[in-house]
C-alpha atoms as a PDB file:
ATOM      1  CA  UNK A   1     -21.499   1.567   0.267  1.00  0.00           C
ATOM      2  CA  UNK A   2     -22.238   3.244  -3.012  1.00  0.00           C
ATOM      3  CA  UNK A   3     -25.658   2.274  -4.383  1.00  0.00           C
ATOM      4  CA  UNK A   4     -25.873   5.124  -6.876  1.00  0.00           C
ATOM      5  CA  UNK A   5     -25.583   4.904 -10.658  1.00  0.00           C
ATOM      6  CA  UNK A   6     -22.168   4.572 -12.254  1.00  0.00           C
ATOM      7  CA  UNK A   7     -22.114   8.237 -13.308  1.00  0.00           C
ATOM      8  CA  UNK A   8     -22.947   9.515  -9.836  1.00  0.00           C
ATOM      9  CA  UNK A   9     -20.517   7.101  -8.214  1.00  0.00           C
ATOM     10  CA  UNK A  10     -17.800   8.216 -10.589  1.00  0.00           C
ATOM     11  CA  UNK A  11     -18.529  11.807  -9.689  1.00  0.00           C
ATOM     12  CA  UNK A  12     -18.441  10.855  -6.013  1.00  0.00           C
ATOM     13  CA  UNK A  13     -15.050   9.206  -6.498  1.00  0.00           C
ATOM     14  CA  UNK A  14     -13.566  12.328  -8.072  1.00  0.00           C
ATOM     15  CA  UNK A  15     -15.277  14.941  -5.910  1.00  0.00           C
ATOM     16  CA  UNK A  16     -16.294  13.507  -2.584  1.00  0.00           C
ATOM     17  CA  UNK A  17     -14.475  10.222  -2.371  1.00  0.00           C
ATOM     18  CA  UNK A  18     -17.502   8.572  -0.694  1.00  0.00           C
ATOM     19  CA  UNK A  19     -17.560   5.203  -2.475  1.00  0.00           C
ATOM     20  CA  UNK A  20     -15.868   2.275  -0.811  1.00  0.00           C
ATOM     21  CA  UNK A  21     -12.480   1.156  -2.103  1.00  0.00           C
ATOM     22  CA  UNK A  22     -13.713  -1.833  -4.167  1.00  0.00           C
ATOM     23  CA  UNK A  23     -16.234   0.275  -6.080  1.00  0.00           C
ATOM     24  CA  UNK A  24     -13.761   3.161  -6.369  1.00  0.00           C
ATOM     25  CA  UNK A  25     -11.055   0.930  -7.851  1.00  0.00           C
ATOM     26  CA  UNK A  26     -13.450  -0.646 -10.329  1.00  0.00           C
ATOM     27  CA  UNK A  27     -14.832   2.657 -11.619  1.00  0.00           C
ATOM     28  CA  UNK A  28     -11.594   4.632 -11.483  1.00  0.00           C
ATOM     29  CA  UNK A  29      -9.842   2.074 -13.684  1.00  0.00           C
ATOM     30  CA  UNK A  30     -12.684   2.394 -16.192  1.00  0.00           C
ATOM     31  CA  UNK A  31     -12.425   6.167 -16.059  1.00  0.00           C
ATOM     32  CA  UNK A  32      -8.700   6.110 -16.784  1.00  0.00           C
ATOM     33  CA  UNK A  33      -9.278   3.645 -19.643  1.00  0.00           C
ATOM     34  CA  UNK A  34     -11.937   5.898 -21.155  1.00  0.00           C
ATOM     35  CA  UNK A  35      -9.662   8.935 -20.751  1.00  0.00           C
ATOM     36  CA  UNK A  36      -6.751   7.103 -22.442  1.00  0.00           C
ATOM     37  CA  UNK A  37      -8.986   5.963 -25.295  1.00  0.00           C
ATOM     38  CA  UNK A  38     -10.224   9.521 -25.826  1.00  0.00           C
ATOM     39  CA  UNK A  39      -6.663  10.897 -25.766  1.00  0.00           C
ATOM     40  CA  UNK A  40      -5.477   8.184 -28.139  1.00  0.00           C
ATOM     41  CA  UNK A  41      -8.383   8.873 -30.489  1.00  0.00           C
ATOM     42  CA  UNK A  42      -7.577  12.605 -30.455  1.00  0.00           C
ATOM     43  CA  UNK A  43      -3.876  11.958 -31.093  1.00  0.00           C
ATOM     44  CA  UNK A  44      -4.614   9.603 -34.002  1.00  0.00           C
ATOM     45  CA  UNK A  45      -7.058  12.118 -35.457  1.00  0.00           C
ATOM     46  CA  UNK A  46      -4.477  14.911 -35.190  1.00  0.00           C
ATOM     47  CA  UNK A  47      -1.788  12.758 -36.844  1.00  0.00           C
ATOM     48  CA  UNK A  48      -4.191  11.720 -39.601  1.00  0.00           C
ATOM     49  CA  UNK A  49      -5.221  15.293 -40.333  1.00  0.00           C
ATOM     50  CA  UNK A  50      -1.584  16.397 -40.367  1.00  0.00           C
ATOM     51  CA  UNK A  51      -0.712  13.674 -42.880  1.00  0.00           C
ATOM     52  CA  UNK A  52      -3.714  14.631 -45.021  1.00  0.00           C
ATOM     53  CA  UNK A  53      -2.627  18.287 -45.074  1.00  0.00           C
ATOM     54  CA  UNK A  54       0.943  17.343 -45.997  1.00  0.00           C
ATOM     55  CA  UNK A  55      -0.313  15.056 -48.748  1.00  0.00           C
ATOM     56  CA  UNK A  56      -2.514  17.826 -50.121  1.00  0.00           C
ATOM     57  CA  UNK A  57       0.391  20.277 -50.093  1.00  0.00           C
ATOM     58  CA  UNK A  58       2.539  17.795 -51.991  1.00  0.00           C
ATOM     59  CA  UNK A  59      -0.101  17.228 -54.666  1.00  0.00           C
ATOM     60  CA  UNK A  60      -1.270  20.829 -54.850  1.00  0.00           C
ATOM     61  CA  UNK A  61       1.546  22.441 -56.881  1.00  0.00           C
ATOM     62  CA  UNK A  62       0.853  20.396 -60.000  1.00  0.00           C
ATOM     63  CA  UNK A  63      -2.687  21.776 -60.107  1.00  0.00           C
ATOM     64  CA  UNK A  64      -1.630  25.374 -59.631  1.00  0.00           C
ATOM     65  CA  UNK A  65      -0.931  27.289 -62.790  1.00  0.00           C
ATOM     66  CA  UNK A  66      -2.204  30.087 -64.949  1.00  0.00           C
ATOM     67  CA  UNK A  67       0.707  32.400 -64.288  1.00  0.00           C
ATOM     68  CA  UNK A  68       3.821  33.253 -66.244  1.00  0.00           C
ATOM     69  CA  UNK A  69       5.720  30.514 -68.057  1.00  0.00           C
ATOM     70  CA  UNK A  70       9.511  30.420 -67.888  1.00  0.00           C
ATOM     71  CA  UNK A  71      12.116  28.395 -69.741  1.00  0.00           C
ATOM     72  CA  UNK A  72      15.872  28.261 -69.508  1.00  0.00           C
ATOM     73  CA  UNK A  73      17.733  28.783 -72.744  1.00  0.00           C
ATOM     74  CA  UNK A  74      21.404  28.158 -73.408  1.00  0.00           C
ATOM     75  CA  UNK A  75      23.177  29.990 -76.217  1.00  0.00           C
ATOM     76  CA  UNK A  76      26.839  29.739 -77.133  1.00  0.00           C
ATOM     77  CA  UNK A  77      28.684  33.057 -76.775  1.00  0.00           C
ATOM     78  CA  UNK A  78      32.102  34.273 -77.869  1.00  0.00           C
ATOM     79  CA  UNK A  79      32.722  36.576 -74.865  1.00  0.00           C
ATOM     80  CA  UNK A  80      35.299  36.092 -72.177  1.00  0.00           C
ATOM     81  CA  UNK A  81      33.423  35.800 -68.889  1.00  0.00           C
ATOM     82  CA  UNK A  82      33.905  33.873 -65.619  1.00  0.00           C
ATOM     83  CA  UNK A  83      31.955  30.637 -65.839  1.00  0.00           C
ATOM     84  CA  UNK A  84      30.898  27.587 -63.880  1.00  0.00           C
ATOM     85  CA  UNK A  85      32.221  24.265 -65.145  1.00  0.00           C
ATOM     86  CA  UNK A  86      29.382  22.104 -66.485  1.00  0.00           C
ATOM     87  CA  UNK A  87      30.758  19.078 -64.618  1.00  0.00           C
ATOM     88  CA  UNK A  88      29.580  20.764 -61.382  1.00  0.00           C
ATOM     89  CA  UNK A  89      26.001  20.860 -62.700  1.00  0.00           C
ATOM     90  CA  UNK A  90      24.249  17.613 -61.819  1.00  0.00           C
ATOM     91  CA  UNK A  91      21.181  16.722 -63.904  1.00  0.00           C
ATOM     92  CA  UNK A  92      19.186  15.779 -60.799  1.00  0.00           C
ATOM     93  CA  UNK A  93      19.949  18.983 -58.914  1.00  0.00           C
ATOM     94  CA  UNK A  94      19.779  21.292 -61.948  1.00  0.00           C
ATOM     95  CA  UNK A  95      17.178  19.714 -64.284  1.00  0.00           C
ATOM     96  CA  UNK A  96      16.283  22.922 -66.124  1.00  0.00           C
ATOM     97  CA  UNK A  97      19.874  24.038 -66.656  1.00  0.00           C
ATOM     98  CA  UNK A  98      21.172  20.618 -67.701  1.00  0.00           C
ATOM     99  CA  UNK A  99      18.337  20.204 -70.196  1.00  0.00           C
ATOM    100  CA  UNK A 100      19.016  23.685 -71.585  1.00  0.00           C
ATOM    101  CA  UNK A 101      22.702  22.812 -72.026  1.00  0.00           C
ATOM    102  CA  UNK A 102      21.794  19.580 -73.849  1.00  0.00           C
ATOM    103  CA  UNK A 103      18.977  20.789 -76.108  1.00  0.00           C
ATOM    104  CA  UNK A 104      19.229  24.580 -76.065  1.00  0.00           C
ATOM    105  CA  UNK A 105      15.967  25.078 -74.170  1.00  0.00           C
ATOM    106  CA  UNK A 106      14.493  23.527 -71.056  1.00  0.00           C
ATOM    107  CA  UNK A 107      11.024  22.285 -70.379  1.00  0.00           C
ATOM    108  CA  UNK A 108       8.707  25.204 -69.475  1.00  0.00           C
ATOM    109  CA  UNK A 109       7.937  26.022 -65.847  1.00  0.00           C
ATOM    110  CA  UNK A 110       4.489  27.513 -65.272  1.00  0.00           C
ATOM    111  CA  UNK A 111       4.178  29.797 -62.285  1.00  0.00           C
ATOM    112  CA  UNK A 112       0.885  30.216 -60.460  1.00  0.00           C
ATOM    113  CA  UNK A 113      -1.100  33.408 -60.081  1.00  0.00           C
ATOM    114  CA  UNK A 114      -0.545  33.758 -56.347  1.00  0.00           C
ATOM    115  CA  UNK A 115       3.135  32.888 -55.854  1.00  0.00           C
ATOM    116  CA  UNK A 116       2.361  29.842 -53.692  1.00  0.00           C
ATOM    117  CA  UNK A 117       3.756  27.208 -56.048  1.00  0.00           C
ATOM    118  CA  UNK A 118       7.345  28.454 -55.640  1.00  0.00           C
ATOM    119  CA  UNK A 119       7.271  27.488 -51.961  1.00  0.00           C
ATOM    120  CA  UNK A 120       6.757  23.797 -52.802  1.00  0.00           C
ATOM    121  CA  UNK A 121       8.462  23.222 -56.148  1.00  0.00           C
ATOM    122  CA  UNK A 122      11.856  23.554 -57.783  1.00  0.00           C
ATOM    123  CA  UNK A 123      12.065  26.534 -60.171  1.00  0.00           C
ATOM    124  CA  UNK A 124      14.589  27.802 -62.733  1.00  0.00           C
ATOM    125  CA  UNK A 125      15.165  30.762 -60.401  1.00  0.00           C
ATOM    126  CA  UNK A 126      16.294  28.322 -57.688  1.00  0.00           C
ATOM    127  CA  UNK A 127      18.881  26.914 -60.064  1.00  0.00           C
ATOM    128  CA  UNK A 128      20.271  30.348 -60.860  1.00  0.00           C
ATOM    129  CA  UNK A 129      20.575  31.045 -57.148  1.00  0.00           C
ATOM    130  CA  UNK A 130      22.406  27.762 -56.624  1.00  0.00           C
ATOM    131  CA  UNK A 131      24.803  28.497 -59.502  1.00  0.00           C
ATOM    132  CA  UNK A 132      25.566  31.892 -57.993  1.00  0.00           C
ATOM    133  CA  UNK A 133      26.690  30.078 -54.855  1.00  0.00           C
ATOM    134  CA  UNK A 134      29.082  27.978 -56.945  1.00  0.00           C
ATOM    135  CA  UNK A 135      30.635  31.034 -58.616  1.00  0.00           C
ATOM    136  CA  UNK A 136      29.133  34.432 -57.957  1.00  0.00           C
ATOM    137  CA  UNK A 137      31.063  36.057 -60.825  1.00  0.00           C
ATOM    138  CA  UNK A 138      29.482  33.601 -63.301  1.00  0.00           C
ATOM    139  CA  UNK A 139      25.990  35.010 -62.720  1.00  0.00           C
ATOM    140  CA  UNK A 140      24.957  38.251 -64.351  1.00  0.00           C
ATOM    141  CA  UNK A 141      21.402  39.242 -63.386  1.00  0.00           C
ATOM    142  CA  UNK A 142      19.033  36.639 -64.833  1.00  0.00           C
ATOM    143  CA  UNK A 143      21.779  34.763 -66.684  1.00  0.00           C
ATOM    144  CA  UNK A 144      24.619  32.428 -65.787  1.00  0.00           C
ATOM    145  CA  UNK A 145      27.710  31.536 -67.776  1.00  0.00           C
ATOM    146  CA  UNK A 146      28.541  27.841 -67.996  1.00  0.00           C
ATOM    147  CA  UNK A 147      31.494  26.251 -69.770  1.00  0.00           C
ATOM    148  CA  UNK A 148      30.940  22.842 -71.303  1.00  0.00           C
ATOM    149  CA  UNK A 149      33.512  21.044 -73.479  1.00  0.00           C
ATOM    150  CA  UNK A 150      35.423  24.258 -74.089  1.00  0.00           C
ATOM    151  CA  UNK A 151      32.320  26.195 -75.210  1.00  0.00           C
ATOM    152  CA  UNK A 152      30.962  29.075 -73.140  1.00  0.00           C
ATOM    153  CA  UNK A 153      27.170  29.159 -72.829  1.00  0.00           C
ATOM    154  CA  UNK A 154      24.959  31.950 -71.563  1.00  0.00           C
ATOM    155  CA  UNK A 155      22.088  30.252 -69.751  1.00  0.00           C
ATOM    156  CA  UNK A 156      19.207  32.615 -69.023  1.00  0.00           C
ATOM    157  CA  UNK A 157      15.617  32.512 -67.885  1.00  0.00           C
ATOM    158  CA  UNK A 158      13.192  33.702 -70.547  1.00  0.00           C
ATOM    159  CA  UNK A 159       9.466  34.374 -70.438  1.00  0.00           C
ATOM    160  CA  UNK A 160       7.525  32.151 -72.762  1.00  0.00           C
ATOM    161  CA  UNK A 161       4.239  33.514 -74.094  1.00  0.00           C
END
């Protein structure tokens, strides 16, 4: 019969196995419950911290800035050049380019000092890369040629002071 404290009896159960079966069953079920609670607490803490980090990374890019500012400008040209049809440019997928085609210049994009913001946000450079996948011949360096309503536009990324 085990007349020791709960801690010593629990140690006896795991190491020596000297407690009788009734005491062993009572304390071993408590031990497994405590172990499950601790594991569950650790898992919930890990999930919570992961969600907090992801939330911070989602909110972080809007606070980063202080780097170069870029805009996309669209100018009508009279050249003959391969172009992407403007109907292939969706306003949701290409917000900078579609705004430049509508107004002549897009909203500015401010880069950060460290180059981290580009990992988490959509940039005008991403749009140029996507247009080059539509028609590689339509992209010339930092500019793309887009045809809209029979007019050829040269859409390029410009530095804004």
